[in-house]
Amino acid sequence: MRSWIYLIVAITAEVIGTASMKLAATHFPVAGHAVMYVMICLSYFFLALAVKRVPVGVAYALWEGIGIVLITLVSVLWLG
């Protein structure tokens, strides 16, 4: 069960890190890059923890698939 929570945290960190790229490019370059790098690093860290129990193919497919859907929603609804 804990591995699935790690996977959810990894997906969330990936979405936040990817969304912060827009902030880094436009309004807050230093803070945006800092948030982006920290969140992407956390995303990989939690993904690595998740694959200890969840098969790699399943974890990666969910991480990428759900991440793409969520970042698309964030970019359309929040970032324009």
N, C-alpha and C. Protein backbone atom coordinates (compact mmCIF):
# COMPACT_ATOMS: atom_id res chain seq x y z
N MET A 1 0.82 -1.20 0.00
CA MET A 1 0.00 0.00 0.00
C MET A 1 0.86 1.26 0.00
N ARG A 2 1.94 1.22 0.76
CA ARG A 2 2.82 2.38 0.84
C ARG A 2 3.43 2.71 -0.52
N SER A 3 3.71 1.70 -1.32
CA SER A 3 4.31 1.93 -2.64
C SER A 3 3.35 2.69 -3.55
N TRP A 4 2.06 2.42 -3.42
CA TRP A 4 1.08 3.14 -4.23
C TRP A 4 1.00 4.60 -3.80
N ILE A 5 1.15 4.85 -2.53
CA ILE A 5 1.18 6.23 -2.05
C ILE A 5 2.42 6.94 -2.59
N TYR A 6 3.54 6.24 -2.58
CA TYR A 6 4.77 6.80 -3.16
C TYR A 6 4.55 7.15 -4.64
N LEU A 7 3.84 6.29 -5.35
CA LEU A 7 3.58 6.53 -6.76
C LEU A 7 2.69 7.76 -6.94
N ILE A 8 1.70 7.93 -6.11
CA ILE A 8 0.82 9.10 -6.17
C ILE A 8 1.62 10.37 -5.88
N VAL A 9 2.51 10.31 -4.90
CA VAL A 9 3.36 11.47 -4.58
C VAL A 9 4.28 11.77 -5.76
N ALA A 10 4.83 10.74 -6.39
CA ALA A 10 5.70 10.94 -7.55
C ALA A 10 4.95 11.61 -8.70
N ILE A 11 3.72 11.19 -8.94
CA ILE A 11 2.92 11.80 -10.00
C ILE A 11 2.62 13.26 -9.68
N THR A 12 2.25 13.52 -8.44
CA THR A 12 1.95 14.88 -8.02
C THR A 12 3.17 15.79 -8.16
N ALA A 13 4.33 15.29 -7.73
CA ALA A 13 5.56 16.07 -7.84
C ALA A 13 5.92 16.34 -9.30
N GLU A 14 5.68 15.35 -10.15
CA GLU A 14 5.96 15.54 -11.58
C GLU A 14 5.08 16.63 -12.16
N VAL A 15 3.81 16.62 -11.82
CA VAL A 15 2.87 17.62 -12.35
C VAL A 15 3.25 19.01 -11.85
N ILE A 16 3.57 19.13 -10.58
CA ILE A 16 3.97 20.44 -10.04
C ILE A 16 5.27 20.91 -10.70
N GLY A 17 6.22 20.01 -10.86
CA GLY A 17 7.49 20.37 -11.49
C GLY A 17 7.32 20.79 -12.94
N THR A 18 6.48 20.08 -13.65
CA THR A 18 6.25 20.43 -15.05
C THR A 18 5.49 21.74 -15.17
N ALA A 19 4.50 21.96 -14.32
CA ALA A 19 3.74 23.21 -14.35
C ALA A 19 4.61 24.41 -13.99
N SER A 20 5.58 24.19 -13.12
CA SER A 20 6.45 25.31 -12.71
C SER A 20 7.40 25.74 -13.82
N MET A 21 7.53 24.95 -14.87
CA MET A 21 8.35 25.36 -16.02
C MET A 21 7.79 26.64 -16.64
N LYS A 22 6.48 26.75 -16.66
CA LYS A 22 5.84 27.97 -17.20
C LYS A 22 6.20 29.17 -16.34
N LEU A 23 6.18 29.01 -15.02
CA LEU A 23 6.57 30.10 -14.13
C LEU A 23 8.05 30.47 -14.32
N ALA A 24 8.87 29.46 -14.51
CA ALA A 24 10.30 29.71 -14.72
C ALA A 24 10.55 30.47 -16.01
N ALA A 25 9.74 30.21 -17.01
CA ALA A 25 9.94 30.85 -18.30
C ALA A 25 9.35 32.26 -18.38
N THR A 26 8.39 32.57 -17.50
CA THR A 26 7.70 33.85 -17.64
C THR A 26 7.89 34.78 -16.45
N HIS A 27 7.31 34.47 -15.33
CA HIS A 27 7.19 35.42 -14.24
C HIS A 27 8.28 35.35 -13.17
N PHE A 28 8.62 34.15 -12.74
CA PHE A 28 9.55 33.98 -11.62
C PHE A 28 10.66 33.02 -12.01
N PRO A 29 11.68 33.49 -12.73
CA PRO A 29 12.68 32.57 -13.25
C PRO A 29 13.45 31.81 -12.17
N VAL A 30 13.89 32.49 -11.14
CA VAL A 30 14.71 31.80 -10.12
C VAL A 30 13.85 30.84 -9.31
N ALA A 31 12.74 31.33 -8.78
CA ALA A 31 11.87 30.48 -7.98
C ALA A 31 11.27 29.36 -8.82
N GLY A 32 10.91 29.66 -10.06
CA GLY A 32 10.34 28.65 -10.94
C GLY A 32 11.30 27.52 -11.22
N HIS A 33 12.56 27.86 -11.48
CA HIS A 33 13.57 26.82 -11.71
C HIS A 33 13.84 26.02 -10.44
N ALA A 34 13.87 26.69 -9.31
CA ALA A 34 14.11 25.98 -8.04
C ALA A 34 12.99 24.98 -7.77
N VAL A 35 11.75 25.42 -7.92
CA VAL A 35 10.61 24.52 -7.70
C VAL A 35 10.64 23.39 -8.71
N MET A 36 10.94 23.71 -9.95
CA MET A 36 10.98 22.69 -10.99
C MET A 36 12.00 21.60 -10.67
N TYR A 37 13.23 21.99 -10.35
CA TYR A 37 14.27 21.00 -10.08
C TYR A 37 13.99 20.18 -8.84
N VAL A 38 13.50 20.82 -7.79
CA VAL A 38 13.19 20.09 -6.56
C VAL A 38 12.06 19.09 -6.80
N MET A 39 11.02 19.52 -7.48
CA MET A 39 9.87 18.63 -7.71
C MET A 39 10.21 17.47 -8.65
N ILE A 40 10.98 17.73 -9.68
CA ILE A 40 11.37 16.65 -10.58
C ILE A 40 12.26 15.64 -9.85
N CYS A 41 13.18 16.13 -9.02
CA CYS A 41 14.02 15.23 -8.22
C CYS A 41 13.18 14.40 -7.25
N LEU A 42 12.22 15.05 -6.59
CA LEU A 42 11.33 14.32 -5.69
C LEU A 42 10.50 13.30 -6.45
N SER A 43 10.08 13.66 -7.65
CA SER A 43 9.30 12.73 -8.45
C SER A 43 10.08 11.45 -8.75
N TYR A 44 11.31 11.59 -9.17
CA TYR A 44 12.14 10.41 -9.45
C TYR A 44 12.45 9.63 -8.16
N PHE A 45 12.66 10.34 -7.07
CA PHE A 45 12.94 9.68 -5.79
C PHE A 45 11.76 8.81 -5.37
N PHE A 46 10.55 9.38 -5.41
CA PHE A 46 9.38 8.61 -5.00
C PHE A 46 9.03 7.53 -6.00
N LEU A 47 9.31 7.75 -7.27
CA LEU A 47 9.11 6.68 -8.25
C LEU A 47 10.05 5.51 -7.96
N ALA A 48 11.27 5.82 -7.58
CA ALA A 48 12.23 4.76 -7.23
C ALA A 48 11.75 3.98 -6.00
N LEU A 49 11.16 4.67 -5.05
CA LEU A 49 10.62 3.97 -3.88
C LEU A 49 9.42 3.11 -4.27
N ALA A 50 8.60 3.61 -5.19
CA ALA A 50 7.41 2.88 -5.60
C ALA A 50 7.74 1.58 -6.32
N VAL A 51 8.79 1.59 -7.13
CA VAL A 51 9.09 0.39 -7.93
C VAL A 51 9.74 -0.72 -7.11
N LYS A 52 9.92 -0.51 -5.84
CA LYS A 52 10.39 -1.60 -4.99
C LYS A 52 9.31 -2.68 -4.85
N ARG A 53 8.05 -2.27 -4.91
CA ARG A 53 6.94 -3.22 -4.77
C ARG A 53 6.04 -3.28 -6.00
N VAL A 54 5.89 -2.16 -6.69
CA VAL A 54 5.05 -2.11 -7.89
C VAL A 54 5.93 -2.46 -9.09
N PRO A 55 5.46 -3.32 -9.99
CA PRO A 55 6.27 -3.62 -11.18
C PRO A 55 6.63 -2.34 -11.95
N VAL A 56 7.84 -2.33 -12.47
CA VAL A 56 8.36 -1.14 -13.14
C VAL A 56 7.46 -0.70 -14.30
N GLY A 57 7.02 -1.64 -15.10
CA GLY A 57 6.18 -1.29 -16.24
C GLY A 57 4.87 -0.65 -15.82
N VAL A 58 4.26 -1.17 -14.78
CA VAL A 58 3.00 -0.62 -14.28
C VAL A 58 3.23 0.76 -13.68
N ALA A 59 4.26 0.88 -12.84
CA ALA A 59 4.55 2.16 -12.18
C ALA A 59 4.87 3.24 -13.21
N TYR A 60 5.71 2.91 -14.18
CA TYR A 60 6.10 3.91 -15.18
C TYR A 60 4.92 4.30 -16.05
N ALA A 61 4.11 3.32 -16.45
CA ALA A 61 2.95 3.62 -17.29
C ALA A 61 1.96 4.53 -16.55
N LEU A 62 1.71 4.25 -15.29
CA LEU A 62 0.80 5.09 -14.51
C LEU A 62 1.40 6.47 -14.26
N TRP A 63 2.70 6.51 -13.94
CA TRP A 63 3.39 7.77 -13.68
C TRP A 63 3.31 8.69 -14.89
N GLU A 64 3.61 8.15 -16.06
CA GLU A 64 3.58 8.95 -17.28
C GLU A 64 2.15 9.23 -17.74
N GLY A 65 1.31 8.23 -17.74
CA GLY A 65 -0.05 8.39 -18.25
C GLY A 65 -0.88 9.37 -17.43
N ILE A 66 -0.92 9.14 -16.12
CA ILE A 66 -1.68 10.04 -15.25
C ILE A 66 -1.03 11.42 -15.23
N GLY A 67 0.30 11.45 -15.24
CA GLY A 67 1.01 12.74 -15.26
C GLY A 67 0.67 13.56 -16.49
N ILE A 68 0.61 12.92 -17.65
CA ILE A 68 0.29 13.64 -18.88
C ILE A 68 -1.13 14.18 -18.84
N VAL A 69 -2.06 13.37 -18.36
CA VAL A 69 -3.45 13.82 -18.27
C VAL A 69 -3.56 15.01 -17.31
N LEU A 70 -2.94 14.90 -16.14
CA LEU A 70 -3.03 15.98 -15.15
C LEU A 70 -2.34 17.26 -15.61
N ILE A 71 -1.17 17.14 -16.22
CA ILE A 71 -0.49 18.36 -16.66
C ILE A 71 -1.24 19.01 -17.82
N THR A 72 -1.92 18.21 -18.63
CA THR A 72 -2.76 18.78 -19.68
C THR A 72 -3.92 19.56 -19.06
N LEU A 73 -4.55 18.99 -18.05
CA LEU A 73 -5.64 19.70 -17.36
C LEU A 73 -5.14 20.97 -16.69
N VAL A 74 -3.99 20.89 -16.03
CA VAL A 74 -3.43 22.07 -15.38
C VAL A 74 -3.10 23.15 -16.40
N SER A 75 -2.51 22.75 -17.51
CA SER A 75 -2.12 23.75 -18.52
C SER A 75 -3.33 24.39 -19.18
N VAL A 76 -4.39 23.63 -19.39
CA VAL A 76 -5.58 24.19 -20.02
C VAL A 76 -6.37 25.05 -19.04
N LEU A 77 -6.58 24.55 -17.83
CA LEU A 77 -7.44 25.23 -16.89
C LEU A 77 -6.76 26.36 -16.12
N TRP A 78 -5.47 26.20 -15.83
CA TRP A 78 -4.80 27.17 -14.98
C TRP A 78 -3.82 28.06 -15.74
N LEU A 79 -3.04 27.45 -16.62
CA LEU A 79 -2.00 28.22 -17.31
C LEU A 79 -2.47 28.81 -18.63
N GLY A 80 -3.59 28.39 -19.09
CA GLY A 80 -4.14 28.96 -20.34
C GLY A 80 -3.47 28.38 -21.53
